[in-house]
N, C-alpha and C. Protein backbone atom coordinates (compact mmCIF):
# COMPACT_ATOMS: atom_id res chain seq x y z
N MET A 1 102.80 130.23 123.16
CA MET A 1 103.59 129.16 122.57
C MET A 1 102.76 127.89 122.51
N SER A 2 102.83 127.21 121.39
CA SER A 2 102.05 126.00 121.17
C SER A 2 102.68 124.81 121.89
N LYS A 3 101.81 123.93 122.41
CA LYS A 3 102.31 122.72 123.07
C LYS A 3 102.65 121.64 122.05
N ARG A 4 102.18 121.82 120.79
CA ARG A 4 102.46 120.85 119.74
C ARG A 4 103.94 120.92 119.35
N THR A 5 104.59 119.77 119.30
CA THR A 5 106.00 119.74 118.89
C THR A 5 106.11 119.11 117.52
N ASP A 6 106.97 119.64 116.71
CA ASP A 6 107.22 119.09 115.38
C ASP A 6 107.96 117.77 115.54
N THR A 7 107.59 116.76 114.74
CA THR A 7 108.23 115.44 114.87
C THR A 7 109.71 115.51 114.53
N ALA A 8 110.09 116.40 113.63
CA ALA A 8 111.51 116.51 113.25
C ALA A 8 112.34 117.03 114.41
N THR A 9 111.78 117.90 115.22
CA THR A 9 112.55 118.44 116.34
C THR A 9 112.47 117.52 117.56
N ALA A 10 111.45 116.69 117.63
CA ALA A 10 111.29 115.82 118.79
C ALA A 10 112.13 114.54 118.69
N GLU A 11 112.55 114.19 117.51
CA GLU A 11 113.31 112.95 117.38
C GLU A 11 114.82 113.21 117.43
N GLN A 12 115.55 112.14 117.56
CA GLN A 12 117.00 112.20 117.69
C GLN A 12 117.65 112.60 116.37
N LEU A 13 118.56 113.56 116.42
CA LEU A 13 119.34 113.94 115.25
C LEU A 13 120.74 113.35 115.39
N LEU A 14 121.22 112.73 114.33
CA LEU A 14 122.51 112.05 114.35
C LEU A 14 123.56 112.85 113.61
N SER A 15 124.78 112.82 114.10
CA SER A 15 125.89 113.43 113.38
C SER A 15 126.23 112.54 112.19
N VAL A 16 127.05 113.06 111.29
CA VAL A 16 127.47 112.28 110.13
C VAL A 16 128.18 111.00 110.59
N GLU A 17 129.02 111.13 111.59
CA GLU A 17 129.76 109.97 112.11
C GLU A 17 128.82 108.94 112.73
N ALA A 18 127.80 109.41 113.47
CA ALA A 18 126.85 108.50 114.10
C ALA A 18 126.00 107.79 113.04
N ALA A 19 125.58 108.53 112.02
CA ALA A 19 124.80 107.92 110.93
C ALA A 19 125.64 106.88 110.20
N ALA A 20 126.91 107.19 109.99
CA ALA A 20 127.81 106.22 109.34
C ALA A 20 127.95 104.97 110.19
N GLY A 21 128.04 105.15 111.49
CA GLY A 21 128.12 104.01 112.39
C GLY A 21 126.89 103.13 112.33
N ARG A 22 125.71 103.75 112.23
CA ARG A 22 124.46 102.98 112.15
C ARG A 22 124.38 102.16 110.87
N LEU A 23 124.95 102.70 109.78
CA LEU A 23 124.92 101.98 108.51
C LEU A 23 126.16 101.12 108.27
N SER A 24 127.08 101.17 109.22
CA SER A 24 128.36 100.45 109.08
C SER A 24 129.09 100.87 107.81
N THR A 25 129.12 102.17 107.57
CA THR A 25 129.83 102.73 106.42
C THR A 25 130.76 103.83 106.91
N SER A 26 131.42 104.46 105.97
CA SER A 26 132.34 105.55 106.32
C SER A 26 131.58 106.87 106.35
N PRO A 27 132.06 107.84 107.12
CA PRO A 27 131.45 109.17 107.10
C PRO A 27 131.50 109.80 105.70
N ARG A 28 132.49 109.44 104.92
CA ARG A 28 132.61 109.97 103.56
C ARG A 28 131.39 109.57 102.71
N PHE A 29 130.90 108.34 102.87
CA PHE A 29 129.71 107.88 102.15
C PHE A 29 128.50 108.71 102.53
N ILE A 30 128.33 108.98 103.82
CA ILE A 30 127.20 109.79 104.30
C ILE A 30 127.30 111.21 103.74
N ARG A 31 128.50 111.77 103.75
CA ARG A 31 128.68 113.12 103.20
C ARG A 31 128.36 113.16 101.71
N ARG A 32 128.68 112.08 100.98
CA ARG A 32 128.35 112.01 99.56
C ARG A 32 126.83 111.95 99.37
N LEU A 33 126.14 111.18 100.21
CA LEU A 33 124.68 111.12 100.14
C LEU A 33 124.08 112.51 100.36
N ILE A 34 124.65 113.25 101.29
CA ILE A 34 124.17 114.60 101.58
C ILE A 34 124.44 115.53 100.40
N ALA A 35 125.65 115.48 99.85
CA ALA A 35 126.02 116.34 98.74
C ALA A 35 125.16 116.07 97.51
N GLU A 36 124.80 114.82 97.29
CA GLU A 36 123.98 114.43 96.15
C GLU A 36 122.49 114.56 96.45
N ARG A 37 122.15 115.01 97.66
CA ARG A 37 120.76 115.17 98.11
C ARG A 37 119.97 113.87 98.01
N ARG A 38 120.64 112.76 98.33
CA ARG A 38 120.00 111.44 98.31
C ARG A 38 119.43 111.07 99.67
N ILE A 39 119.72 111.87 100.69
CA ILE A 39 119.19 111.64 102.03
C ILE A 39 118.80 113.00 102.61
N GLU A 40 117.72 112.99 103.35
CA GLU A 40 117.24 114.22 103.97
C GLU A 40 118.15 114.57 105.15
N PHE A 41 118.47 115.85 105.30
CA PHE A 41 119.33 116.28 106.39
C PHE A 41 118.87 117.62 106.93
N VAL A 42 119.41 117.98 108.10
CA VAL A 42 119.07 119.23 108.77
C VAL A 42 120.37 119.96 109.03
N LYS A 43 120.37 121.26 108.75
CA LYS A 43 121.54 122.08 109.08
C LYS A 43 121.26 122.79 110.39
N VAL A 44 122.14 122.60 111.33
CA VAL A 44 122.06 123.27 112.63
C VAL A 44 123.30 124.16 112.70
N GLY A 45 123.11 125.42 112.33
CA GLY A 45 124.26 126.30 112.20
C GLY A 45 125.10 125.80 111.05
N ARG A 46 126.36 125.51 111.31
CA ARG A 46 127.21 124.96 110.25
C ARG A 46 127.32 123.44 110.34
N HIS A 47 126.62 122.85 111.28
CA HIS A 47 126.65 121.40 111.46
C HIS A 47 125.53 120.75 110.65
N VAL A 48 125.80 119.56 110.17
CA VAL A 48 124.81 118.79 109.41
C VAL A 48 124.38 117.60 110.27
N ARG A 49 123.08 117.41 110.39
CA ARG A 49 122.54 116.31 111.17
C ARG A 49 121.51 115.55 110.35
N ILE A 50 121.37 114.28 110.64
CA ILE A 50 120.42 113.41 109.95
C ILE A 50 119.48 112.84 110.99
N SER A 51 118.18 112.99 110.74
CA SER A 51 117.20 112.45 111.69
C SER A 51 117.14 110.93 111.55
N GLU A 52 116.73 110.28 112.63
CA GLU A 52 116.62 108.82 112.60
C GLU A 52 115.58 108.38 111.57
N SER A 53 114.51 109.15 111.42
CA SER A 53 113.47 108.78 110.45
C SER A 53 113.99 108.92 109.01
N ALA A 54 114.82 109.93 108.74
CA ALA A 54 115.40 110.08 107.41
C ALA A 54 116.34 108.92 107.09
N LEU A 55 117.07 108.48 108.09
CA LEU A 55 117.96 107.33 107.90
C LEU A 55 117.14 106.06 107.64
N ALA A 56 116.05 105.90 108.39
CA ALA A 56 115.18 104.74 108.20
C ALA A 56 114.53 104.78 106.81
N ASP A 57 114.12 105.97 106.36
CA ASP A 57 113.52 106.10 105.02
C ASP A 57 114.53 105.76 103.93
N PHE A 58 115.78 106.18 104.11
CA PHE A 58 116.83 105.87 103.14
C PHE A 58 117.05 104.36 103.05
N ILE A 59 117.07 103.71 104.19
CA ILE A 59 117.25 102.25 104.22
C ILE A 59 116.07 101.56 103.55
N LYS A 60 114.86 102.02 103.87
CA LYS A 60 113.65 101.43 103.30
C LYS A 60 113.61 101.60 101.78
N ALA A 61 114.04 102.76 101.29
CA ALA A 61 114.03 103.04 99.84
C ALA A 61 115.00 102.13 99.10
N GLY A 62 116.05 101.68 99.76
CA GLY A 62 117.04 100.82 99.11
C GLY A 62 116.77 99.34 99.26
N LYS A 63 115.67 99.00 99.92
CA LYS A 63 115.36 97.59 100.17
C LYS A 63 114.95 96.89 98.87
N VAL A 64 115.54 95.74 98.63
CA VAL A 64 115.25 94.94 97.44
C VAL A 64 114.63 93.63 97.90
N SER A 65 113.45 93.33 97.39
CA SER A 65 112.76 92.09 97.76
C SER A 65 113.39 90.91 97.04
N PRO A 66 113.43 89.75 97.69
CA PRO A 66 114.01 88.57 97.04
C PRO A 66 113.09 88.05 95.94
N LEU A 67 113.67 87.37 94.97
CA LEU A 67 112.90 86.76 93.90
C LEU A 67 112.35 85.42 94.37
N THR A 68 111.14 85.10 93.92
CA THR A 68 110.56 83.80 94.22
C THR A 68 110.73 82.90 93.01
N ALA A 69 110.45 81.64 93.18
CA ALA A 69 110.55 80.69 92.07
C ALA A 69 109.60 81.08 90.95
N ALA A 70 108.42 81.59 91.28
CA ALA A 70 107.45 82.01 90.27
C ALA A 70 108.00 83.19 89.47
N ASP A 71 108.70 84.11 90.13
CA ASP A 71 109.30 85.25 89.44
C ASP A 71 110.35 84.77 88.45
N LEU A 72 111.15 83.79 88.85
CA LEU A 72 112.20 83.27 87.99
C LEU A 72 111.61 82.58 86.76
N ARG A 73 110.55 81.80 86.97
CA ARG A 73 109.90 81.11 85.86
C ARG A 73 109.34 82.12 84.86
N HIS A 74 108.75 83.18 85.38
CA HIS A 74 108.17 84.21 84.53
C HIS A 74 109.24 84.90 83.68
N LYS A 75 110.39 85.16 84.28
CA LYS A 75 111.48 85.82 83.57
C LYS A 75 112.14 84.90 82.56
N MET A 76 112.14 83.61 82.83
CA MET A 76 112.81 82.64 81.96
C MET A 76 111.91 82.24 80.80
N LYS A 77 110.63 82.58 80.85
CA LYS A 77 109.69 82.22 79.79
C LYS A 77 110.13 82.89 78.49
N GLY A 78 110.21 82.11 77.44
CA GLY A 78 110.60 82.64 76.14
C GLY A 78 112.11 82.65 75.90
N VAL A 79 112.88 82.25 76.89
CA VAL A 79 114.33 82.20 76.74
C VAL A 79 114.70 80.79 76.30
N ALA A 80 115.42 80.70 75.21
CA ALA A 80 115.76 79.37 74.71
C ALA A 80 117.27 79.20 74.66
């Protein structure tokens, strides 16, 4: 048996309810993300679990950077 452990098995797996709690959303929203395959998940028997790294990746993918004044000027150029 190898001493190397897979990172997916070594990290914490969250239930749908726990993942919803971390995002301050409903479990229904998390289940919809899973059904639409918008978040990575693990099936453990008939249970569905979400790794902490998958949850962090989902949050990072949805991050929107703020606009700067230079961005606004660039977008307003040519608008009369």
